[in-house]
Amino acid sequence: MSIDDYILAHTEPEPEYLYRLWRATNVHLLRGRMASGHLQGRLLKMLVQMIRPKNILEVGTFSGYSAICMAEGLEDDGRVWTFEINDEMEDFTRKWLENAPNGERINFIIGDAITEAPKLGIQFDMAFIDGDKRTYLETYEMALRVVRPGGFILADNTLWDGHVLEQPKAADRQTQGIESFNDYLVKDSRVEQVVLPLRDGLTLIRIK
C-alpha cells in the first residue's frame, strides 16, 4: 500500500455520487485529473464546515466536483456560486450539479467571474480559485473585493506539478501565472497565507 492509498483509506469515504462523477469526468473529458478528487474534496467539505460560510464563490467549475463537495458542508441556507468560463462544459456539468444530492445549494453560471461575480452584489465569506492560471492575480484581486474581511480564499494548483521550481523559469504563461501569484501573495500584507502540499498545492488565505 502506498502512502496515498493509506491516506485515502483513513479519510472519510468518497460519496458514491462523487465517485461516479469522478469516473465520468475522467472517461468523457480531457484533463480529467483537474477534478478535485477524493482527498481534496473531503478537505473542502470540512473547511466549509469549519468556516461556516453563507456564500461561497468558486472560479472554475470544470465538472462540478469541488462545488458539490463545498455544498455538502454548507448549512441549509448556504449557497455556492460557481463560474465556468468555458461554455463547452455546460452540458456535461449542469446535469451533474442539478442532480447532486445538494444541487439546490449550487448556482452554476457560465461566464467570466472576474467581471461577472462583482455584479452579483453579494458579500462572500469564502472563495475557491481554480480557474485560468494565467489570470490568477486578477482573480485574486477580484476575490479580495467581494470576500468579507476575515473571510477566506483558497487557491488551487499553487505548486503546479513542481514547475514553480524549474530553473530557468518556465516560458509558458500558465506556469508564469502561478509563479507571479505565489510571489505576489507572500508579500501581500492584507492577508495571511499557508501553502499545503496537498495534491497539486492548495493555498489557504485569510483576509485580515
C-alpha atoms as a PDB file:
ATOM      1  CA  MET A   1       0.000   0.000   0.000  1.00  0.00           C
ATOM      2  CA  SER A   2       1.341   3.440  -0.942  1.00  0.00           C
ATOM      3  CA  ILE A   3       1.182   6.413   1.417  1.00  0.00           C
ATOM      4  CA  ASP A   4      -1.510   7.951  -0.809  1.00  0.00           C
ATOM      5  CA  ASP A   5      -3.603   4.787  -0.559  1.00  0.00           C
ATOM      6  CA  TYR A   6      -3.111   4.772   3.212  1.00  0.00           C
ATOM      7  CA  ILE A   7      -4.274   8.387   3.472  1.00  0.00           C
ATOM      8  CA  LEU A   8      -7.427   7.694   1.470  1.00  0.00           C
ATOM      9  CA  ALA A   9      -8.131   4.545   3.462  1.00  0.00           C
ATOM     10  CA  HIS A  10      -8.108   6.636   6.638  1.00  0.00           C
ATOM     11  CA  THR A  11     -10.110   9.559   5.266  1.00  0.00           C
ATOM     12  CA  GLU A  12     -13.897   9.880   5.158  1.00  0.00           C
ATOM     13  CA  PRO A  13     -15.092   7.730   2.211  1.00  0.00           C
ATOM     14  CA  GLU A  14     -15.874   9.398  -1.099  1.00  0.00           C
ATOM     15  CA  PRO A  15     -19.674   9.561  -1.565  1.00  0.00           C
ATOM     16  CA  GLU A  16     -20.988   7.261  -4.291  1.00  0.00           C
ATOM     17  CA  TYR A  17     -22.355  10.170  -6.384  1.00  0.00           C
ATOM     18  CA  LEU A  18     -18.966  11.881  -6.376  1.00  0.00           C
ATOM     19  CA  TYR A  19     -17.220   8.647  -7.269  1.00  0.00           C
ATOM     20  CA  ARG A  20     -19.497   8.326 -10.310  1.00  0.00           C
ATOM     21  CA  LEU A  21     -18.816  11.950 -11.245  1.00  0.00           C
ATOM     22  CA  TRP A  22     -15.062  11.390 -10.918  1.00  0.00           C
ATOM     23  CA  ARG A  23     -15.290   8.345 -13.203  1.00  0.00           C
ATOM     24  CA  ALA A  24     -17.428  10.183 -15.760  1.00  0.00           C
ATOM     25  CA  THR A  25     -15.094  13.168 -15.700  1.00  0.00           C
ATOM     26  CA  ASN A  26     -12.069  11.010 -16.480  1.00  0.00           C
ATOM     27  CA  VAL A  27     -13.874   8.972 -19.149  1.00  0.00           C
ATOM     28  CA  HIS A  28     -15.598  11.788 -21.024  1.00  0.00           C
ATOM     29  CA  LEU A  29     -13.464  14.907 -20.531  1.00  0.00           C
ATOM     30  CA  LEU A  30      -9.932  15.877 -21.438  1.00  0.00           C
ATOM     31  CA  ARG A  31      -7.676  16.575 -18.445  1.00  0.00           C
ATOM     32  CA  GLY A  32      -9.969  14.711 -16.074  1.00  0.00           C
ATOM     33  CA  ARG A  33      -7.344  14.943 -13.333  1.00  0.00           C
ATOM     34  CA  MET A  34      -8.329  18.597 -12.951  1.00  0.00           C
ATOM     35  CA  ALA A  35     -11.278  17.459 -10.823  1.00  0.00           C
ATOM     36  CA  SER A  36     -10.544  17.798  -7.104  1.00  0.00           C
ATOM     37  CA  GLY A  37     -10.996  14.117  -6.268  1.00  0.00           C
ATOM     38  CA  HIS A  38     -11.495  12.202  -3.032  1.00  0.00           C
ATOM     39  CA  LEU A  39      -8.906  13.720  -0.655  1.00  0.00           C
ATOM     40  CA  GLN A  40      -9.188  17.354  -1.665  1.00  0.00           C
ATOM     41  CA  GLY A  41     -12.949  17.029  -1.898  1.00  0.00           C
ATOM     42  CA  ARG A  42     -13.217  15.823   1.699  1.00  0.00           C
ATOM     43  CA  LEU A  43     -10.936  18.673   2.800  1.00  0.00           C
ATOM     44  CA  LEU A  44     -13.094  21.244   1.006  1.00  0.00           C
ATOM     45  CA  LYS A  45     -16.188  19.905   2.713  1.00  0.00           C
ATOM     46  CA  MET A  46     -14.512  20.039   6.128  1.00  0.00           C
ATOM     47  CA  LEU A  47     -13.137  23.555   5.589  1.00  0.00           C
ATOM     48  CA  VAL A  48     -16.646  24.742   4.758  1.00  0.00           C
ATOM     49  CA  GLN A  49     -17.948  23.097   7.929  1.00  0.00           C
ATOM     50  CA  MET A  50     -15.207  24.871   9.908  1.00  0.00           C
ATOM     51  CA  ILE A  51     -15.583  28.312   8.311  1.00  0.00           C
ATOM     52  CA  ARG A  52     -19.388  28.077   8.099  1.00  0.00           C
ATOM     53  CA  PRO A  53     -19.776  30.458   5.146  1.00  0.00           C
ATOM     54  CA  LYS A  54     -23.186  31.562   3.918  1.00  0.00           C
ATOM     55  CA  ASN A  55     -22.000  32.381   0.398  1.00  0.00           C
ATOM     56  CA  ILE A  56     -19.071  30.756  -1.431  1.00  0.00           C
ATOM     57  CA  LEU A  57     -17.630  31.980  -4.719  1.00  0.00           C
ATOM     58  CA  GLU A  58     -15.957  29.380  -6.929  1.00  0.00           C
ATOM     59  CA  VAL A  59     -13.940  30.383 -10.001  1.00  0.00           C
ATOM     60  CA  GLY A  60     -13.568  27.411 -12.348  1.00  0.00           C
ATOM     61  CA  THR A  61     -16.353  24.829 -12.086  1.00  0.00           C
ATOM     62  CA  PHE A  62     -14.952  22.242 -14.527  1.00  0.00           C
ATOM     63  CA  SER A  63     -17.105  19.115 -13.991  1.00  0.00           C
ATOM     64  CA  GLY A  64     -18.622  20.325 -10.712  1.00  0.00           C
ATOM     65  CA  TYR A  65     -16.826  18.004  -8.270  1.00  0.00           C
ATOM     66  CA  SER A  66     -15.488  20.700  -5.952  1.00  0.00           C
ATOM     67  CA  ALA A  67     -18.731  22.691  -5.993  1.00  0.00           C
ATOM     68  CA  ILE A  68     -20.656  19.628  -4.823  1.00  0.00           C
ATOM     69  CA  CYS A  69     -18.099  18.963  -2.072  1.00  0.00           C
ATOM     70  CA  MET A  70     -18.357  22.524  -0.770  1.00  0.00           C
ATOM     71  CA  ALA A  71     -22.150  22.438  -0.968  1.00  0.00           C
ATOM     72  CA  GLU A  72     -22.067  19.298   1.197  1.00  0.00           C
ATOM     73  CA  GLY A  73     -20.525  21.305   4.024  1.00  0.00           C
ATOM     74  CA  LEU A  74     -22.968  24.202   3.859  1.00  0.00           C
ATOM     75  CA  GLU A  75     -25.882  24.783   6.169  1.00  0.00           C
ATOM     76  CA  ASP A  76     -29.308  24.687   4.539  1.00  0.00           C
ATOM     77  CA  ASP A  77     -29.383  28.399   3.659  1.00  0.00           C
ATOM     78  CA  GLY A  78     -25.821  28.456   2.290  1.00  0.00           C
ATOM     79  CA  ARG A  79     -25.033  28.778  -1.402  1.00  0.00           C
ATOM     80  CA  VAL A  80     -22.149  28.116  -3.785  1.00  0.00           C
ATOM     81  CA  TRP A  81     -21.930  30.498  -6.733  1.00  0.00           C
ATOM     82  CA  THR A  82     -19.699  28.777  -9.270  1.00  0.00           C
ATOM     83  CA  PHE A  83     -18.428  30.326 -12.513  1.00  0.00           C
ATOM     84  CA  GLU A  84     -17.150  28.443 -15.566  1.00  0.00           C
ATOM     85  CA  ILE A  85     -15.782  30.480 -18.459  1.00  0.00           C
ATOM     86  CA  ASN A  86     -15.769  27.576 -20.945  1.00  0.00           C
ATOM     87  CA  ASP A  87     -19.318  27.286 -22.285  1.00  0.00           C
ATOM     88  CA  GLU A  88     -18.491  23.899 -23.823  1.00  0.00           C
ATOM     89  CA  MET A  89     -18.564  22.468 -20.283  1.00  0.00           C
ATOM     90  CA  GLU A  90     -22.165  23.447 -19.649  1.00  0.00           C
ATOM     91  CA  ASP A  91     -23.991  20.385 -20.995  1.00  0.00           C
ATOM     92  CA  PHE A  92     -21.839  17.954 -19.016  1.00  0.00           C
ATOM     93  CA  THR A  93     -21.549  19.922 -15.803  1.00  0.00           C
ATOM     94  CA  ARG A  94     -25.034  21.339 -15.376  1.00  0.00           C
ATOM     95  CA  LYS A  95     -26.747  17.950 -15.252  1.00  0.00           C
ATOM     96  CA  TRP A  96     -24.303  16.659 -12.625  1.00  0.00           C
ATOM     97  CA  LEU A  97     -24.834  19.750 -10.471  1.00  0.00           C
ATOM     98  CA  GLU A  98     -28.610  19.746 -10.831  1.00  0.00           C
ATOM     99  CA  ASN A  99     -28.851  16.041  -9.953  1.00  0.00           C
ATOM    100  CA  ALA A 100     -26.477  16.235  -6.992  1.00  0.00           C
ATOM    101  CA  PRO A 101     -27.960  15.487  -3.544  1.00  0.00           C
ATOM    102  CA  ASN A 102     -27.300  19.121  -2.572  1.00  0.00           C
ATOM    103  CA  GLY A 103     -27.724  20.651  -6.027  1.00  0.00           C
ATOM    104  CA  GLU A 104     -30.256  23.210  -4.775  1.00  0.00           C
ATOM    105  CA  ARG A 105     -27.397  24.945  -2.933  1.00  0.00           C
ATOM    106  CA  ILE A 106     -25.369  25.479  -6.138  1.00  0.00           C
ATOM    107  CA  ASN A 107     -25.803  28.337  -8.618  1.00  0.00           C
ATOM    108  CA  PHE A 108     -23.929  27.495 -11.834  1.00  0.00           C
ATOM    109  CA  ILE A 109     -23.046  30.431 -14.073  1.00  0.00           C
ATOM    110  CA  ILE A 110     -21.311  30.397 -17.471  1.00  0.00           C
ATOM    111  CA  GLY A 111     -19.172  33.500 -17.711  1.00  0.00           C
ATOM    112  CA  ASP A 112     -16.003  35.287 -16.623  1.00  0.00           C
ATOM    113  CA  ALA A 113     -16.029  35.534 -12.833  1.00  0.00           C
ATOM    114  CA  ILE A 114     -13.550  38.412 -12.862  1.00  0.00           C
ATOM    115  CA  THR A 115     -16.144  40.706 -14.436  1.00  0.00           C
ATOM    116  CA  GLU A 116     -19.403  38.938 -13.557  1.00  0.00           C
ATOM    117  CA  ALA A 117     -19.028  37.926  -9.897  1.00  0.00           C
ATOM    118  CA  PRO A 118     -18.881  41.521  -8.581  1.00  0.00           C
ATOM    119  CA  LYS A 119     -22.146  42.254 -10.417  1.00  0.00           C
ATOM    120  CA  LEU A 120     -23.973  39.803  -8.138  1.00  0.00           C
ATOM    121  CA  GLY A 121     -23.696  42.316  -5.310  1.00  0.00           C
ATOM    122  CA  ILE A 122     -23.004  39.529  -2.817  1.00  0.00           C
ATOM    123  CA  GLN A 123     -20.553  39.679   0.059  1.00  0.00           C
ATOM    124  CA  PHE A 124     -18.910  36.276   0.097  1.00  0.00           C
ATOM    125  CA  ASP A 125     -17.440  34.554   3.114  1.00  0.00           C
ATOM    126  CA  MET A 126     -15.157  32.236   1.139  1.00  0.00           C
ATOM    127  CA  ALA A 127     -13.788  31.882  -2.382  1.00  0.00           C
ATOM    128  CA  PHE A 128     -12.166  28.951  -4.167  1.00  0.00           C
ATOM    129  CA  ILE A 129      -9.925  29.947  -7.077  1.00  0.00           C
ATOM    130  CA  ASP A 130      -9.360  27.133  -9.574  1.00  0.00           C
ATOM    131  CA  GLY A 131      -9.717  28.815 -12.958  1.00  0.00           C
ATOM    132  CA  ASP A 132      -7.310  30.056 -15.632  1.00  0.00           C
ATOM    133  CA  LYS A 133      -3.827  30.076 -14.123  1.00  0.00           C
ATOM    134  CA  ARG A 134      -2.823  32.939 -16.427  1.00  0.00           C
ATOM    135  CA  THR A 135      -5.267  35.257 -14.642  1.00  0.00           C
ATOM    136  CA  TYR A 136      -4.810  34.121 -11.024  1.00  0.00           C
ATOM    137  CA  LEU A 137      -3.657  37.581  -9.924  1.00  0.00           C
ATOM    138  CA  GLU A 138      -6.675  39.308 -11.462  1.00  0.00           C
ATOM    139  CA  THR A 139      -8.993  36.678  -9.983  1.00  0.00           C
ATOM    140  CA  TYR A 140      -7.388  37.094  -6.570  1.00  0.00           C
ATOM    141  CA  GLU A 141      -7.790  40.872  -6.616  1.00  0.00           C
ATOM    142  CA  MET A 142     -11.436  40.456  -7.589  1.00  0.00           C
ATOM    143  CA  ALA A 143     -11.936  37.983  -4.736  1.00  0.00           C
ATOM    144  CA  LEU A 144     -10.428  40.453  -2.260  1.00  0.00           C
ATOM    145  CA  ARG A 145     -13.116  42.938  -3.264  1.00  0.00           C
ATOM    146  CA  VAL A 146     -16.058  40.577  -2.834  1.00  0.00           C
ATOM    147  CA  VAL A 147     -14.986  38.438   0.161  1.00  0.00           C
ATOM    148  CA  ARG A 148     -15.586  39.987   3.592  1.00  0.00           C
ATOM    149  CA  PRO A 149     -12.764  40.922   5.976  1.00  0.00           C
ATOM    150  CA  GLY A 150     -11.918  37.825   7.994  1.00  0.00           C
ATOM    151  CA  GLY A 151     -13.102  35.650   5.125  1.00  0.00           C
ATOM    152  CA  PHE A 152     -11.077  33.016   3.342  1.00  0.00           C
ATOM    153  CA  ILE A 153      -9.742  32.493  -0.170  1.00  0.00           C
ATOM    154  CA  LEU A 154      -8.472  29.081  -1.298  1.00  0.00           C
ATOM    155  CA  ALA A 155      -6.228  28.917  -4.362  1.00  0.00           C
ATOM    156  CA  ASP A 156      -5.677  25.568  -6.068  1.00  0.00           C
ATOM    157  CA  ASN A 157      -2.717  24.255  -8.090  1.00  0.00           C
ATOM    158  CA  THR A 158      -0.211  26.609  -6.487  1.00  0.00           C
ATOM    159  CA  LEU A 159       2.634  24.065  -6.735  1.00  0.00           C
ATOM    160  CA  TRP A 160       1.746  23.295 -10.360  1.00  0.00           C
ATOM    161  CA  ASP A 161       3.308  19.838 -10.596  1.00  0.00           C
ATOM    162  CA  GLY A 162       6.568  21.266  -9.252  1.00  0.00           C
ATOM    163  CA  HIS A 163       7.022  23.559 -12.249  1.00  0.00           C
ATOM    164  CA  VAL A 164       7.315  26.526  -9.867  1.00  0.00           C
ATOM    165  CA  LEU A 165      10.817  25.222  -9.004  1.00  0.00           C
ATOM    166  CA  GLU A 166      12.087  24.968 -12.576  1.00  0.00           C
ATOM    167  CA  GLN A 167      15.294  26.761 -13.457  1.00  0.00           C
ATOM    168  CA  PRO A 168      15.497  28.502 -15.792  1.00  0.00           C
ATOM    169  CA  LYS A 169      11.946  29.627 -15.231  1.00  0.00           C
ATOM    170  CA  ALA A 170       9.282  28.110 -17.453  1.00  0.00           C
ATOM    171  CA  ALA A 171       8.213  30.079 -20.501  1.00  0.00           C
ATOM    172  CA  ASP A 172       4.550  29.023 -20.617  1.00  0.00           C
ATOM    173  CA  ARG A 173       2.021  31.573 -19.402  1.00  0.00           C
ATOM    174  CA  GLN A 174       0.187  29.232 -17.027  1.00  0.00           C
ATOM    175  CA  THR A 175       3.310  28.471 -15.012  1.00  0.00           C
ATOM    176  CA  GLN A 176       4.236  32.147 -15.085  1.00  0.00           C
ATOM    177  CA  GLY A 177       0.764  32.995 -13.805  1.00  0.00           C
ATOM    178  CA  ILE A 178       1.119  30.671 -10.823  1.00  0.00           C
ATOM    179  CA  GLU A 179       4.646  31.910 -10.046  1.00  0.00           C
ATOM    180  CA  SER A 180       3.557  35.548 -10.216  1.00  0.00           C
ATOM    181  CA  PHE A 181       0.589  34.839  -7.967  1.00  0.00           C
ATOM    182  CA  ASN A 182       2.688  32.997  -5.374  1.00  0.00           C
ATOM    183  CA  ASP A 183       5.376  35.686  -5.317  1.00  0.00           C
ATOM    184  CA  TYR A 184       2.782  38.450  -5.051  1.00  0.00           C
ATOM    185  CA  LEU A 185       0.807  36.741  -2.313  1.00  0.00           C
ATOM    186  CA  VAL A 186       3.735  36.207   0.042  1.00  0.00           C
ATOM    187  CA  LYS A 187       4.343  39.986   0.041  1.00  0.00           C
ATOM    188  CA  ASP A 188       0.682  40.980   0.420  1.00  0.00           C
ATOM    189  CA  SER A 189       0.189  42.486   3.888  1.00  0.00           C
ATOM    190  CA  ARG A 190      -3.603  42.373   3.526  1.00  0.00           C
ATOM    191  CA  VAL A 191      -3.682  38.617   4.112  1.00  0.00           C
ATOM    192  CA  GLU A 192      -2.202  35.640   5.938  1.00  0.00           C
ATOM    193  CA  GLN A 193      -1.464  32.512   3.942  1.00  0.00           C
ATOM    194  CA  VAL A 194      -0.193  28.952   4.181  1.00  0.00           C
ATOM    195  CA  VAL A 195       0.596  26.566   1.315  1.00  0.00           C
ATOM    196  CA  LEU A 196      -0.480  22.967   1.800  1.00  0.00           C
ATOM    197  CA  PRO A 197       1.401  20.320  -0.242  1.00  0.00           C
ATOM    198  CA  LEU A 198      -1.895  18.586  -0.917  1.00  0.00           C
ATOM    199  CA  ARG A 199      -2.362  17.143  -4.407  1.00  0.00           C
ATOM    200  CA  ASP A 200      -1.081  19.956  -6.667  1.00  0.00           C
ATOM    201  CA  GLY A 201      -0.749  22.569  -3.944  1.00  0.00           C
ATOM    202  CA  LEU A 202      -3.576  24.333  -2.102  1.00  0.00           C
ATOM    203  CA  THR A 203      -3.010  27.779  -0.604  1.00  0.00           C
ATOM    204  CA  LEU A 204      -5.248  28.861   2.279  1.00  0.00           C
ATOM    205  CA  ILE A 205      -5.587  32.642   2.564  1.00  0.00           C
ATOM    206  CA  ARG A 206      -7.247  34.636   5.345  1.00  0.00           C
ATOM    207  CA  ILE A 207      -8.154  38.236   4.706  1.00  0.00           C
ATOM    208  CA  LYS A 208      -7.154  40.434   7.662  1.00  0.00           C
END
